[in-house]
Amino acid sequence: MKIGDVFNFAESRIRVLMFDDNEVFYGTVDKENVLVYCKYKTISYYRTSRSYFDENSSFIKSLELTEKEKEIHKPDLPLRLNCFTGFFWSNKLFEKEIEFNDYLKSVGVNSEKLIGLDISKVVLVPNSQQQANKKPILLKSVSDSFSGQELLFESFRIQSEYVKLDKPYFSRFKKDEQGLSGIGMYRLGIKGNVPSYYLGGEMNMMEWEYKKARLLKNN
């Protein structure tokens, strides 16, 4: 499978926009293999697990994304980054990066190993702990890229407004002892033709729902 390839999947004709070992992001296309939403500037991508896609798709033909499509969707960006277990987002506003670095050390994170983004703009979408997307925030870099430390610092700042420490996890239910803990950043789509990421837990929300469904089935 390559980025741009055309498949039959979920009773639709689709093109692969990006993928990794865990997920496939795709868009529906017309008979000429043109993306249905090609003129949209704000999109949340369709996605599914890589294993489900491999088992339930049929290859049609190989195509490459146009240079314009690559520039907009930036399929080379990571689909997930800076995912950690063992702690949760904080409601504290860190005033300086040195203070934030001390916090990272206290939870066992090496700031030098954080992953950044080689783009000049990115949209971050915080989430309520009931997994509802909140107001997107546009970040602009003066150096045309974001270091991992800078990116996570801004993520904590943006997410802090929606954190309740008496419930250190994401869950749609008020009483849920098996909520999604940890932190992570996950590709969402584009917002004004700028790549967007949502702020979540140690795994993406789709994987978490699959995991819960398997647990319920096994019980």
N, C-alpha and C. Protein backbone atom coordinates (compact mmCIF):
# COMPACT_ATOMS: atom_id res chain seq x y z
N MET A 1 0.84 -1.20 0.00
CA MET A 1 0.00 0.00 0.00
C MET A 1 0.88 1.25 0.00
N LYS A 2 0.48 2.23 -0.84
CA LYS A 2 1.19 3.49 -0.91
C LYS A 2 0.20 4.64 -0.77
N ILE A 3 0.71 5.78 -0.31
CA ILE A 3 -0.13 6.97 -0.21
C ILE A 3 -0.63 7.35 -1.60
N GLY A 4 -1.93 7.57 -1.71
CA GLY A 4 -2.54 7.91 -2.98
C GLY A 4 -3.25 6.77 -3.65
N ASP A 5 -2.97 5.52 -3.23
CA ASP A 5 -3.58 4.35 -3.86
C ASP A 5 -5.11 4.38 -3.72
N VAL A 6 -5.77 3.79 -4.71
CA VAL A 6 -7.23 3.73 -4.74
C VAL A 6 -7.69 2.33 -4.35
N PHE A 7 -8.68 2.26 -3.47
CA PHE A 7 -9.22 1.00 -2.99
C PHE A 7 -10.74 1.05 -2.97
N ASN A 8 -11.35 -0.12 -2.95
CA ASN A 8 -12.73 -0.26 -2.51
C ASN A 8 -12.70 -0.56 -1.03
N PHE A 9 -13.44 0.23 -0.25
CA PHE A 9 -13.45 0.02 1.19
C PHE A 9 -14.72 0.62 1.77
N ALA A 10 -15.35 -0.10 2.69
CA ALA A 10 -16.57 0.37 3.36
C ALA A 10 -17.62 0.78 2.35
N GLU A 11 -17.77 -0.02 1.28
CA GLU A 11 -18.76 0.21 0.23
C GLU A 11 -18.56 1.53 -0.50
N SER A 12 -17.31 2.01 -0.49
CA SER A 12 -16.99 3.26 -1.17
C SER A 12 -15.67 3.12 -1.93
N ARG A 13 -15.47 4.00 -2.87
CA ARG A 13 -14.20 4.11 -3.57
C ARG A 13 -13.39 5.16 -2.83
N ILE A 14 -12.19 4.80 -2.37
CA ILE A 14 -11.42 5.71 -1.51
C ILE A 14 -9.97 5.79 -1.99
N ARG A 15 -9.30 6.86 -1.53
CA ARG A 15 -7.85 6.97 -1.72
C ARG A 15 -7.18 7.08 -0.36
N VAL A 16 -6.06 6.43 -0.24
CA VAL A 16 -5.29 6.48 1.00
C VAL A 16 -4.55 7.82 1.08
N LEU A 17 -4.75 8.54 2.17
CA LEU A 17 -4.09 9.83 2.36
C LEU A 17 -2.81 9.70 3.16
N MET A 18 -2.82 8.80 4.15
CA MET A 18 -1.65 8.57 4.99
C MET A 18 -1.92 7.33 5.83
N PHE A 19 -0.86 6.72 6.32
CA PHE A 19 -1.03 5.53 7.14
C PHE A 19 0.24 5.26 7.94
N ASP A 20 0.08 4.44 8.98
CA ASP A 20 1.22 3.91 9.71
C ASP A 20 0.88 2.47 10.09
N ASP A 21 1.58 1.89 11.03
CA ASP A 21 1.33 0.49 11.40
C ASP A 21 -0.01 0.31 12.12
N ASN A 22 -0.59 1.41 12.62
CA ASN A 22 -1.80 1.33 13.42
C ASN A 22 -3.06 1.77 12.70
N GLU A 23 -2.93 2.78 11.83
CA GLU A 23 -4.12 3.40 11.25
C GLU A 23 -3.96 3.65 9.76
N VAL A 24 -5.10 3.80 9.11
CA VAL A 24 -5.16 4.26 7.72
C VAL A 24 -6.11 5.45 7.67
N PHE A 25 -5.66 6.56 7.10
CA PHE A 25 -6.49 7.74 6.89
C PHE A 25 -6.84 7.79 5.41
N TYR A 26 -8.11 8.07 5.11
CA TYR A 26 -8.52 8.00 3.71
C TYR A 26 -9.61 9.02 3.40
N GLY A 27 -9.84 9.23 2.11
CA GLY A 27 -10.92 10.10 1.65
C GLY A 27 -11.67 9.44 0.52
N THR A 28 -12.97 9.66 0.45
CA THR A 28 -13.76 9.10 -0.63
C THR A 28 -13.49 9.88 -1.92
N VAL A 29 -13.60 9.17 -3.06
CA VAL A 29 -13.32 9.79 -4.35
C VAL A 29 -14.46 9.49 -5.33
N ASP A 30 -14.51 10.27 -6.41
CA ASP A 30 -15.49 10.02 -7.46
C ASP A 30 -14.93 9.02 -8.47
N LYS A 31 -15.62 8.81 -9.57
CA LYS A 31 -15.19 7.83 -10.55
C LYS A 31 -13.87 8.20 -11.23
N GLU A 32 -13.53 9.50 -11.20
CA GLU A 32 -12.26 9.95 -11.77
C GLU A 32 -11.16 9.98 -10.70
N ASN A 33 -11.46 9.43 -9.53
CA ASN A 33 -10.51 9.34 -8.41
C ASN A 33 -10.13 10.70 -7.83
N VAL A 34 -11.04 11.67 -7.96
CA VAL A 34 -10.84 12.98 -7.35
C VAL A 34 -11.48 12.97 -5.97
N LEU A 35 -10.76 13.45 -4.97
CA LEU A 35 -11.30 13.49 -3.61
C LEU A 35 -12.59 14.30 -3.56
N VAL A 36 -13.60 13.73 -2.95
CA VAL A 36 -14.91 14.38 -2.89
C VAL A 36 -14.83 15.73 -2.19
N TYR A 37 -13.99 15.83 -1.17
CA TYR A 37 -13.91 17.07 -0.40
C TYR A 37 -12.66 17.87 -0.77
N CYS A 38 -12.19 17.77 -2.01
CA CYS A 38 -10.93 18.41 -2.39
C CYS A 38 -10.94 19.93 -2.23
N LYS A 39 -12.13 20.55 -2.24
CA LYS A 39 -12.20 22.00 -2.10
C LYS A 39 -12.41 22.45 -0.66
N TYR A 40 -12.59 21.48 0.25
CA TYR A 40 -12.80 21.83 1.65
C TYR A 40 -11.47 22.24 2.28
N LYS A 41 -11.52 23.27 3.13
CA LYS A 41 -10.31 23.72 3.83
C LYS A 41 -10.24 23.19 5.25
N THR A 42 -11.35 22.64 5.74
CA THR A 42 -11.38 22.07 7.08
C THR A 42 -11.99 20.67 7.00
N ILE A 43 -11.23 19.68 7.44
CA ILE A 43 -11.63 18.28 7.32
C ILE A 43 -11.14 17.50 8.53
N SER A 44 -11.97 16.60 9.03
CA SER A 44 -11.52 15.54 9.94
C SER A 44 -11.48 14.27 9.09
N TYR A 45 -10.31 13.67 8.97
CA TYR A 45 -10.16 12.54 8.06
C TYR A 45 -10.95 11.33 8.51
N TYR A 46 -11.43 10.56 7.52
CA TYR A 46 -11.91 9.22 7.82
C TYR A 46 -10.71 8.38 8.21
N ARG A 47 -10.92 7.44 9.12
CA ARG A 47 -9.81 6.60 9.56
C ARG A 47 -10.33 5.25 10.00
N THR A 48 -9.45 4.27 9.95
CA THR A 48 -9.78 2.95 10.46
C THR A 48 -8.48 2.29 10.88
N SER A 49 -8.58 1.18 11.59
CA SER A 49 -7.36 0.49 12.01
C SER A 49 -6.70 -0.14 10.79
N ARG A 50 -5.38 -0.24 10.84
CA ARG A 50 -4.64 -0.82 9.72
C ARG A 50 -5.05 -2.27 9.49
N SER A 51 -5.23 -3.04 10.55
CA SER A 51 -5.58 -4.45 10.41
C SER A 51 -6.95 -4.60 9.76
N TYR A 52 -7.92 -3.76 10.16
CA TYR A 52 -9.26 -3.86 9.58
C TYR A 52 -9.23 -3.46 8.11
N PHE A 53 -8.47 -2.44 7.80
CA PHE A 53 -8.37 -2.01 6.40
C PHE A 53 -7.74 -3.10 5.54
N ASP A 54 -6.65 -3.70 6.02
CA ASP A 54 -5.97 -4.74 5.25
C ASP A 54 -6.89 -5.93 4.99
N GLU A 55 -7.76 -6.22 5.94
CA GLU A 55 -8.64 -7.38 5.82
C GLU A 55 -9.91 -7.11 5.01
N ASN A 56 -10.29 -5.84 4.87
CA ASN A 56 -11.59 -5.54 4.28
C ASN A 56 -11.55 -4.59 3.08
N SER A 57 -10.39 -4.35 2.54
CA SER A 57 -10.26 -3.48 1.37
C SER A 57 -9.80 -4.28 0.16
N SER A 58 -10.10 -3.77 -1.02
CA SER A 58 -9.62 -4.38 -2.26
C SER A 58 -8.96 -3.32 -3.12
N PHE A 59 -7.75 -3.60 -3.56
CA PHE A 59 -6.96 -2.65 -4.33
C PHE A 59 -7.54 -2.44 -5.72
N ILE A 60 -7.58 -1.16 -6.18
CA ILE A 60 -8.05 -0.83 -7.52
C ILE A 60 -6.89 -0.40 -8.42
N LYS A 61 -6.19 0.65 -8.00
CA LYS A 61 -5.07 1.11 -8.81
C LYS A 61 -4.16 2.00 -7.97
N SER A 62 -2.95 2.17 -8.45
CA SER A 62 -1.96 3.00 -7.78
C SER A 62 -1.93 4.39 -8.38
N LEU A 63 -2.01 5.40 -7.54
CA LEU A 63 -1.91 6.80 -7.94
C LEU A 63 -1.05 7.53 -6.92
N GLU A 64 -0.52 8.65 -7.32
CA GLU A 64 0.21 9.49 -6.38
C GLU A 64 -0.60 10.75 -6.10
N LEU A 65 -0.49 11.26 -4.89
CA LEU A 65 -1.11 12.54 -4.59
C LEU A 65 -0.42 13.62 -5.42
N THR A 66 -1.18 14.62 -5.83
CA THR A 66 -0.59 15.75 -6.54
C THR A 66 0.28 16.56 -5.58
N GLU A 67 1.13 17.39 -6.11
CA GLU A 67 1.96 18.24 -5.27
C GLU A 67 1.12 19.16 -4.40
N LYS A 68 -0.01 19.63 -4.95
CA LYS A 68 -0.90 20.48 -4.18
C LYS A 68 -1.52 19.70 -3.03
N GLU A 69 -1.94 18.46 -3.30
CA GLU A 69 -2.52 17.62 -2.24
C GLU A 69 -1.49 17.33 -1.16
N LYS A 70 -0.26 17.07 -1.55
CA LYS A 70 0.80 16.82 -0.57
C LYS A 70 1.05 18.05 0.29
N GLU A 71 1.03 19.22 -0.34
CA GLU A 71 1.27 20.46 0.39
C GLU A 71 0.18 20.73 1.41
N ILE A 72 -1.06 20.41 1.06
CA ILE A 72 -2.18 20.64 1.97
C ILE A 72 -2.23 19.60 3.09
N HIS A 73 -2.19 18.32 2.72
CA HIS A 73 -2.42 17.25 3.69
C HIS A 73 -1.16 16.80 4.42
N LYS A 74 -0.01 17.05 3.85
CA LYS A 74 1.27 16.73 4.46
C LYS A 74 1.30 15.29 5.04
N PRO A 75 1.21 14.30 4.14
CA PRO A 75 1.15 12.91 4.58
C PRO A 75 2.43 12.40 5.24
N ASP A 76 3.51 13.18 5.14
CA ASP A 76 4.77 12.77 5.75
C ASP A 76 4.80 13.05 7.25
N LEU A 77 3.85 13.80 7.77
CA LEU A 77 3.84 14.10 9.21
C LEU A 77 3.43 12.86 10.00
N PRO A 78 3.92 12.75 11.24
CA PRO A 78 3.51 11.60 12.07
C PRO A 78 2.03 11.65 12.40
N LEU A 79 1.41 10.47 12.46
CA LEU A 79 0.00 10.40 12.80
C LEU A 79 -0.21 10.48 14.31
N ARG A 80 0.83 10.21 15.07
CA ARG A 80 0.78 10.31 16.53
C ARG A 80 2.16 10.68 17.03
N LEU A 81 2.22 11.41 18.12
CA LEU A 81 3.51 11.78 18.68
C LEU A 81 3.37 12.16 20.14
N ASN A 82 4.49 12.02 20.84
CA ASN A 82 4.57 12.37 22.26
C ASN A 82 3.47 11.72 23.09
N CYS A 83 3.37 10.39 22.95
CA CYS A 83 2.38 9.61 23.69
C CYS A 83 3.05 8.96 24.90
N PHE A 84 2.48 9.17 26.07
CA PHE A 84 3.08 8.66 27.30
C PHE A 84 2.01 8.11 28.24
N THR A 85 2.40 7.12 29.02
CA THR A 85 1.53 6.55 30.04
C THR A 85 2.01 7.02 31.42
N GLY A 86 1.19 6.78 32.42
CA GLY A 86 1.62 7.01 33.80
C GLY A 86 1.29 8.37 34.37
N PHE A 87 0.84 9.31 33.55
CA PHE A 87 0.41 10.61 34.07
C PHE A 87 -0.61 11.19 33.10
N PHE A 88 -1.20 12.33 33.48
CA PHE A 88 -2.29 12.91 32.68
C PHE A 88 -2.01 14.39 32.47
N TRP A 89 -2.78 15.00 31.60
CA TRP A 89 -2.67 16.44 31.39
C TRP A 89 -2.89 17.18 32.71
N SER A 90 -2.32 18.34 32.84
CA SER A 90 -2.40 19.12 34.07
C SER A 90 -3.26 20.36 33.87
N ASN A 91 -3.91 20.81 34.95
CA ASN A 91 -4.65 22.07 34.88
C ASN A 91 -3.78 23.25 35.27
N LYS A 92 -2.51 22.99 35.53
CA LYS A 92 -1.58 24.04 35.91
C LYS A 92 -1.04 24.75 34.68
N LEU A 93 -0.96 26.07 34.74
CA LEU A 93 -0.35 26.85 33.66
C LEU A 93 1.13 27.04 33.97
N PHE A 94 1.97 26.42 33.19
CA PHE A 94 3.41 26.57 33.39
C PHE A 94 3.85 27.91 32.80
N GLU A 95 4.49 28.73 33.61
CA GLU A 95 4.87 30.07 33.18
C GLU A 95 6.09 30.06 32.26
N LYS A 96 7.04 29.17 32.55
CA LYS A 96 8.28 29.14 31.78
C LYS A 96 8.60 27.71 31.38
N GLU A 97 9.37 27.58 30.31
CA GLU A 97 9.71 26.25 29.82
C GLU A 97 10.60 25.50 30.80
N ILE A 98 11.42 26.22 31.57
CA ILE A 98 12.28 25.54 32.55
C ILE A 98 11.41 24.90 33.64
N GLU A 99 10.33 25.55 33.99
CA GLU A 99 9.39 24.98 34.97
C GLU A 99 8.71 23.75 34.37
N PHE A 100 8.37 23.84 33.09
CA PHE A 100 7.75 22.71 32.41
C PHE A 100 8.73 21.54 32.31
N ASN A 101 9.98 21.82 32.03
CA ASN A 101 11.00 20.76 31.96
C ASN A 101 11.15 20.04 33.28
N ASP A 102 11.09 20.79 34.38
CA ASP A 102 11.15 20.16 35.70
C ASP A 102 9.96 19.24 35.91
N TYR A 103 8.80 19.65 35.43
CA TYR A 103 7.61 18.81 35.53
C TYR A 103 7.80 17.53 34.72
N LEU A 104 8.30 17.65 33.51
CA LEU A 104 8.51 16.47 32.67
C LEU A 104 9.47 15.49 33.34
N LYS A 105 10.53 16.02 33.94
CA LYS A 105 11.48 15.16 34.64
C LYS A 105 10.79 14.41 35.79
N SER A 106 9.88 15.10 36.46
CA SER A 106 9.21 14.50 37.62
C SER A 106 8.30 13.34 37.22
N VAL A 107 7.85 13.32 35.94
CA VAL A 107 6.99 12.23 35.48
C VAL A 107 7.76 11.27 34.57
N GLY A 108 9.08 11.43 34.52
CA GLY A 108 9.92 10.47 33.80
C GLY A 108 10.03 10.68 32.31
N VAL A 109 9.81 11.91 31.83
CA VAL A 109 9.90 12.20 30.39
C VAL A 109 11.18 12.98 30.10
N ASN A 110 11.96 12.49 29.16
CA ASN A 110 13.16 13.18 28.71
C ASN A 110 12.78 14.17 27.63
N SER A 111 12.87 15.46 27.91
CA SER A 111 12.42 16.49 26.96
C SER A 111 13.22 16.46 25.66
N GLU A 112 14.44 15.95 25.71
CA GLU A 112 15.27 15.90 24.50
C GLU A 112 14.79 14.84 23.51
N LYS A 113 13.97 13.90 23.97
CA LYS A 113 13.48 12.84 23.10
C LYS A 113 12.06 13.09 22.59
N LEU A 114 11.52 14.26 22.90
CA LEU A 114 10.19 14.60 22.41
C LEU A 114 10.24 14.84 20.90
N ILE A 115 9.15 14.53 20.22
CA ILE A 115 9.07 14.65 18.77
C ILE A 115 8.44 15.98 18.39
N GLY A 116 9.05 16.69 17.45
CA GLY A 116 8.52 17.95 16.97
C GLY A 116 7.90 17.81 15.59
N LEU A 117 7.61 18.95 14.96
CA LEU A 117 6.99 18.97 13.63
C LEU A 117 7.71 19.96 12.74
N ASP A 118 8.07 19.54 11.54
CA ASP A 118 8.76 20.41 10.58
C ASP A 118 7.75 21.15 9.71
N ILE A 119 6.94 21.97 10.35
CA ILE A 119 5.97 22.81 9.65
C ILE A 119 5.92 24.16 10.37
N SER A 120 5.47 25.19 9.66
CA SER A 120 5.46 26.53 10.23
C SER A 120 4.16 26.83 10.99
N LYS A 121 3.09 26.05 10.69
CA LYS A 121 1.81 26.25 11.37
C LYS A 121 1.20 24.90 11.72
N VAL A 122 0.52 24.85 12.84
CA VAL A 122 -0.21 23.65 13.22
C VAL A 122 -1.41 24.06 14.06
N VAL A 123 -2.50 23.34 13.92
CA VAL A 123 -3.70 23.58 14.74
C VAL A 123 -3.80 22.47 15.78
N LEU A 124 -3.91 22.85 17.04
CA LEU A 124 -4.11 21.89 18.12
C LEU A 124 -5.54 21.98 18.63
N VAL A 125 -6.16 20.82 18.81
CA VAL A 125 -7.56 20.76 19.24
C VAL A 125 -7.62 20.09 20.61
N PRO A 126 -7.87 20.88 21.67
CA PRO A 126 -8.01 20.28 23.00
C PRO A 126 -9.31 19.50 23.09
N ASN A 127 -9.42 18.67 24.12
CA ASN A 127 -10.62 17.86 24.32
C ASN A 127 -11.09 17.96 25.76
N SER A 128 -12.41 17.99 25.93
CA SER A 128 -12.94 17.84 27.27
C SER A 128 -12.69 16.40 27.71
N GLN A 129 -12.81 16.15 28.98
CA GLN A 129 -12.59 14.78 29.45
C GLN A 129 -13.75 13.86 29.12
N GLN A 130 -14.81 14.43 28.51
CA GLN A 130 -15.89 13.61 27.95
C GLN A 130 -15.65 13.38 26.45
N GLN A 131 -14.44 13.68 25.99
CA GLN A 131 -13.99 13.43 24.61
C GLN A 131 -14.70 14.29 23.59
N ALA A 132 -15.01 15.52 23.94
CA ALA A 132 -15.60 16.47 23.00
C ALA A 132 -14.54 17.47 22.54
N ASN A 133 -14.38 17.61 21.23
CA ASN A 133 -13.43 18.59 20.71
C ASN A 133 -13.80 20.00 21.15
N LYS A 134 -12.80 20.75 21.56
CA LYS A 134 -13.00 22.14 21.97
C LYS A 134 -12.39 23.08 20.93
N LYS A 135 -12.32 24.36 21.25
CA LYS A 135 -11.90 25.38 20.29
C LYS A 135 -10.49 25.12 19.76
N PRO A 136 -10.34 24.99 18.44
CA PRO A 136 -9.00 24.78 17.86
C PRO A 136 -8.12 26.01 18.06
N ILE A 137 -6.84 25.77 18.26
CA ILE A 137 -5.88 26.85 18.47
C ILE A 137 -4.80 26.76 17.40
N LEU A 138 -4.57 27.85 16.69
CA LEU A 138 -3.53 27.89 15.65
C LEU A 138 -2.21 28.33 16.27
N LEU A 139 -1.17 27.55 16.05
CA LEU A 139 0.18 27.90 16.50
C LEU A 139 1.02 28.25 15.27
N LYS A 140 1.82 29.31 15.39
CA LYS A 140 2.73 29.71 14.32
C LYS A 140 4.16 29.71 14.86
N SER A 141 5.06 29.15 14.08
CA SER A 141 6.46 29.09 14.49
C SER A 141 7.27 30.17 13.79
N VAL A 142 8.16 30.81 14.54
CA VAL A 142 9.02 31.83 13.94
C VAL A 142 10.20 31.19 13.21
N SER A 143 10.41 29.89 13.45
CA SER A 143 11.55 29.20 12.83
C SER A 143 11.12 28.15 11.81
N ASP A 144 9.84 28.17 11.41
CA ASP A 144 9.28 27.24 10.42
C ASP A 144 9.27 25.79 10.89
N SER A 145 9.40 25.57 12.19
CA SER A 145 9.28 24.23 12.75
C SER A 145 9.01 24.35 14.24
N PHE A 146 8.53 23.24 14.83
CA PHE A 146 8.27 23.20 16.27
C PHE A 146 9.12 22.10 16.88
N SER A 147 9.89 22.43 17.90
CA SER A 147 10.60 21.39 18.63
C SER A 147 9.60 20.58 19.43
N GLY A 148 9.97 19.37 19.82
CA GLY A 148 9.08 18.55 20.62
C GLY A 148 8.75 19.20 21.95
N GLN A 149 9.72 19.84 22.55
CA GLN A 149 9.51 20.50 23.83
C GLN A 149 8.53 21.67 23.68
N GLU A 150 8.72 22.48 22.65
CA GLU A 150 7.83 23.62 22.41
C GLU A 150 6.41 23.14 22.15
N LEU A 151 6.28 22.09 21.36
CA LEU A 151 4.97 21.57 20.99
C LEU A 151 4.22 21.04 22.20
N LEU A 152 4.90 20.29 23.06
CA LEU A 152 4.23 19.74 24.23
C LEU A 152 3.93 20.82 25.26
N PHE A 153 4.82 21.80 25.37
CA PHE A 153 4.58 22.94 26.27
C PHE A 153 3.28 23.65 25.88
N GLU A 154 3.12 23.92 24.59
CA GLU A 154 1.91 24.58 24.11
C GLU A 154 0.69 23.68 24.27
N SER A 155 0.87 22.38 24.08
CA SER A 155 -0.24 21.43 24.24
C SER A 155 -0.77 21.44 25.67
N PHE A 156 0.14 21.43 26.64
CA PHE A 156 -0.27 21.48 28.05
C PHE A 156 -0.99 22.79 28.35
N ARG A 157 -0.51 23.88 27.79
CA ARG A 157 -1.14 25.18 28.01
C ARG A 157 -2.57 25.18 27.45
N ILE A 158 -2.73 24.65 26.25
CA ILE A 158 -4.03 24.67 25.59
C ILE A 158 -5.01 23.70 26.25
N GLN A 159 -4.52 22.54 26.69
CA GLN A 159 -5.40 21.53 27.29
C GLN A 159 -5.77 21.85 28.72
N SER A 160 -4.97 22.67 29.41
CA SER A 160 -5.13 22.89 30.86
C SER A 160 -6.52 23.38 31.24
N GLU A 161 -7.16 24.14 30.37
CA GLU A 161 -8.49 24.70 30.66
C GLU A 161 -9.54 23.62 30.85
N TYR A 162 -9.30 22.43 30.31
CA TYR A 162 -10.34 21.39 30.29
C TYR A 162 -10.00 20.20 31.19
N VAL A 163 -9.03 20.38 32.09
CA VAL A 163 -8.58 19.27 32.93
C VAL A 163 -9.18 19.38 34.33
N LYS A 164 -9.78 18.27 34.78
CA LYS A 164 -10.25 18.15 36.15
C LYS A 164 -9.47 17.02 36.80
N LEU A 165 -8.65 17.36 37.77
CA LEU A 165 -7.71 16.39 38.33
C LEU A 165 -8.39 15.29 39.15
N ASP A 166 -9.67 15.49 39.53
CA ASP A 166 -10.37 14.43 40.25
C ASP A 166 -10.79 13.31 39.29
N LYS A 167 -10.57 13.54 38.00
CA LYS A 167 -10.89 12.53 36.99
C LYS A 167 -9.76 12.53 35.95
N PRO A 168 -8.61 11.93 36.29
CA PRO A 168 -7.42 12.00 35.42
C PRO A 168 -7.46 11.02 34.26
N TYR A 169 -8.50 11.14 33.44
CA TYR A 169 -8.63 10.28 32.26
C TYR A 169 -9.76 10.82 31.38
N PHE A 170 -9.81 10.33 30.15
CA PHE A 170 -10.91 10.67 29.23
C PHE A 170 -11.96 9.57 29.29
N SER A 171 -13.22 9.97 29.35
CA SER A 171 -14.32 9.01 29.29
C SER A 171 -15.61 9.76 29.00
N ARG A 172 -16.48 9.15 28.21
CA ARG A 172 -17.78 9.76 27.94
C ARG A 172 -18.73 9.63 29.12
N PHE A 173 -18.33 8.80 30.08
CA PHE A 173 -19.20 8.52 31.22
C PHE A 173 -18.65 9.16 32.49
N LYS A 174 -19.54 9.71 33.31
CA LYS A 174 -19.11 10.38 34.53
C LYS A 174 -18.49 9.41 35.52
N LYS A 175 -19.05 8.19 35.57
CA LYS A 175 -18.51 7.18 36.47
C LYS A 175 -17.91 6.06 35.63
N ASP A 176 -16.61 6.10 35.46
CA ASP A 176 -15.92 5.12 34.62
C ASP A 176 -14.53 4.91 35.19
N GLU A 177 -14.30 3.75 35.76
CA GLU A 177 -12.99 3.47 36.36
C GLU A 177 -12.00 2.96 35.33
N GLN A 178 -12.41 2.83 34.08
CA GLN A 178 -11.52 2.37 33.03
C GLN A 178 -11.41 3.40 31.91
N GLY A 179 -11.25 4.66 32.27
CA GLY A 179 -11.10 5.71 31.28
C GLY A 179 -9.74 5.68 30.62
N LEU A 180 -9.57 6.52 29.61
CA LEU A 180 -8.33 6.59 28.84
C LEU A 180 -7.39 7.57 29.52
N SER A 181 -6.32 7.07 30.10
CA SER A 181 -5.36 7.91 30.80
C SER A 181 -4.16 8.21 29.89
N GLY A 182 -3.12 8.81 30.48
CA GLY A 182 -1.94 9.16 29.70
C GLY A 182 -2.17 10.40 28.84
N ILE A 183 -1.17 10.71 28.01
CA ILE A 183 -1.29 11.86 27.10
C ILE A 183 -0.80 11.46 25.71
N GLY A 184 -1.21 12.23 24.71
CA GLY A 184 -0.74 12.00 23.35
C GLY A 184 -1.31 13.03 22.41
N MET A 185 -0.70 13.12 21.22
CA MET A 185 -1.15 14.03 20.17
C MET A 185 -1.42 13.19 18.93
N TYR A 186 -2.59 13.41 18.29
CA TYR A 186 -3.02 12.54 17.20
C TYR A 186 -3.54 13.37 16.02
N ARG A 187 -3.11 12.97 14.83
CA ARG A 187 -3.52 13.69 13.63
C ARG A 187 -5.04 13.63 13.49
N LEU A 188 -5.63 14.77 13.23
CA LEU A 188 -7.08 14.88 13.09
C LEU A 188 -7.49 15.15 11.65
N GLY A 189 -6.86 16.13 11.02
CA GLY A 189 -7.20 16.50 9.65
C GLY A 189 -6.51 17.78 9.26
N ILE A 190 -7.29 18.71 8.67
CA ILE A 190 -6.79 20.05 8.38
C ILE A 190 -7.82 21.07 8.86
N LYS A 191 -7.34 22.24 9.23
CA LYS A 191 -8.19 23.34 9.66
C LYS A 191 -7.70 24.58 8.94
N GLY A 192 -8.47 25.09 7.98
CA GLY A 192 -8.00 26.19 7.17
C GLY A 192 -6.77 25.80 6.36
N ASN A 193 -6.75 24.56 5.90
CA ASN A 193 -5.63 23.99 5.14
C ASN A 193 -4.33 23.90 5.94
N VAL A 194 -4.45 23.91 7.27
CA VAL A 194 -3.30 23.73 8.16
C VAL A 194 -3.48 22.38 8.87
N PRO A 195 -2.43 21.56 8.96
CA PRO A 195 -2.56 20.26 9.64
C PRO A 195 -3.06 20.43 11.08
N SER A 196 -3.99 19.57 11.48
CA SER A 196 -4.54 19.64 12.83
C SER A 196 -4.28 18.35 13.59
N TYR A 197 -4.08 18.49 14.90
CA TYR A 197 -3.89 17.36 15.82
C TYR A 197 -4.80 17.56 17.01
N TYR A 198 -5.38 16.47 17.51
CA TYR A 198 -6.16 16.59 18.74
C TYR A 198 -5.33 16.07 19.91
N LEU A 199 -5.61 16.59 21.09
CA LEU A 199 -4.91 16.23 22.31
C LEU A 199 -5.73 15.17 23.04
N GLY A 200 -5.10 14.02 23.29
CA GLY A 200 -5.83 12.92 23.90
C GLY A 200 -4.98 12.15 24.90
N GLY A 201 -5.25 10.86 25.01
CA GLY A 201 -4.58 10.02 26.00
C GLY A 201 -3.43 9.22 25.41
N GLU A 202 -3.07 8.14 26.11
CA GLU A 202 -1.90 7.35 25.73
C GLU A 202 -2.07 6.59 24.42
N MET A 203 -3.32 6.39 23.98
CA MET A 203 -3.61 5.82 22.66
C MET A 203 -4.73 6.64 22.05
N ASN A 204 -4.90 6.54 20.75
CA ASN A 204 -5.96 7.36 20.16
C ASN A 204 -7.33 6.82 20.55
N MET A 205 -8.33 7.66 20.38
CA MET A 205 -9.66 7.33 20.89
C MET A 205 -10.30 6.16 20.15
N MET A 206 -9.97 6.00 18.87
CA MET A 206 -10.48 4.85 18.13
C MET A 206 -9.93 3.56 18.70
N GLU A 207 -8.62 3.53 18.95
CA GLU A 207 -7.99 2.33 19.52
C GLU A 207 -8.56 2.03 20.90
N TRP A 208 -8.84 3.07 21.67
CA TRP A 208 -9.38 2.88 23.00
C TRP A 208 -10.76 2.24 22.96
N GLU A 209 -11.59 2.70 22.02
CA GLU A 209 -12.93 2.12 21.88
C GLU A 209 -12.84 0.66 21.46
N TYR A 210 -11.90 0.33 20.56
CA TYR A 210 -11.69 -1.06 20.16
C TYR A 210 -11.26 -1.90 21.35
N LYS A 211 -10.37 -1.35 22.16
CA LYS A 211 -9.86 -2.07 23.32
C LYS A 211 -10.99 -2.35 24.31
N LYS A 212 -11.82 -1.34 24.58
CA LYS A 212 -12.94 -1.53 25.50
C LYS A 212 -13.93 -2.57 24.97
N ALA A 213 -14.17 -2.52 23.65
CA ALA A 213 -15.09 -3.49 23.05
C ALA A 213 -14.57 -4.91 23.19
N ARG A 214 -13.26 -5.11 23.02
CA ARG A 214 -12.67 -6.44 23.18
C ARG A 214 -12.79 -6.92 24.62
N LEU A 215 -12.57 -5.99 25.57
CA LEU A 215 -12.66 -6.37 26.98
C LEU A 215 -14.08 -6.80 27.33
N LEU A 216 -15.06 -6.04 26.83
CA LEU A 216 -16.46 -6.40 27.09
C LEU A 216 -16.81 -7.74 26.46
N LYS A 217 -16.29 -7.99 25.27
CA LYS A 217 -16.57 -9.25 24.58
C LYS A 217 -15.97 -10.44 25.32
N ASN A 218 -14.76 -10.25 25.84
CA ASN A 218 -14.08 -11.34 26.55
C ASN A 218 -14.69 -11.61 27.92
N ASN A 219 -15.36 -10.57 28.46
CA ASN A 219 -15.99 -10.76 29.77
C ASN A 219 -17.41 -11.31 29.62
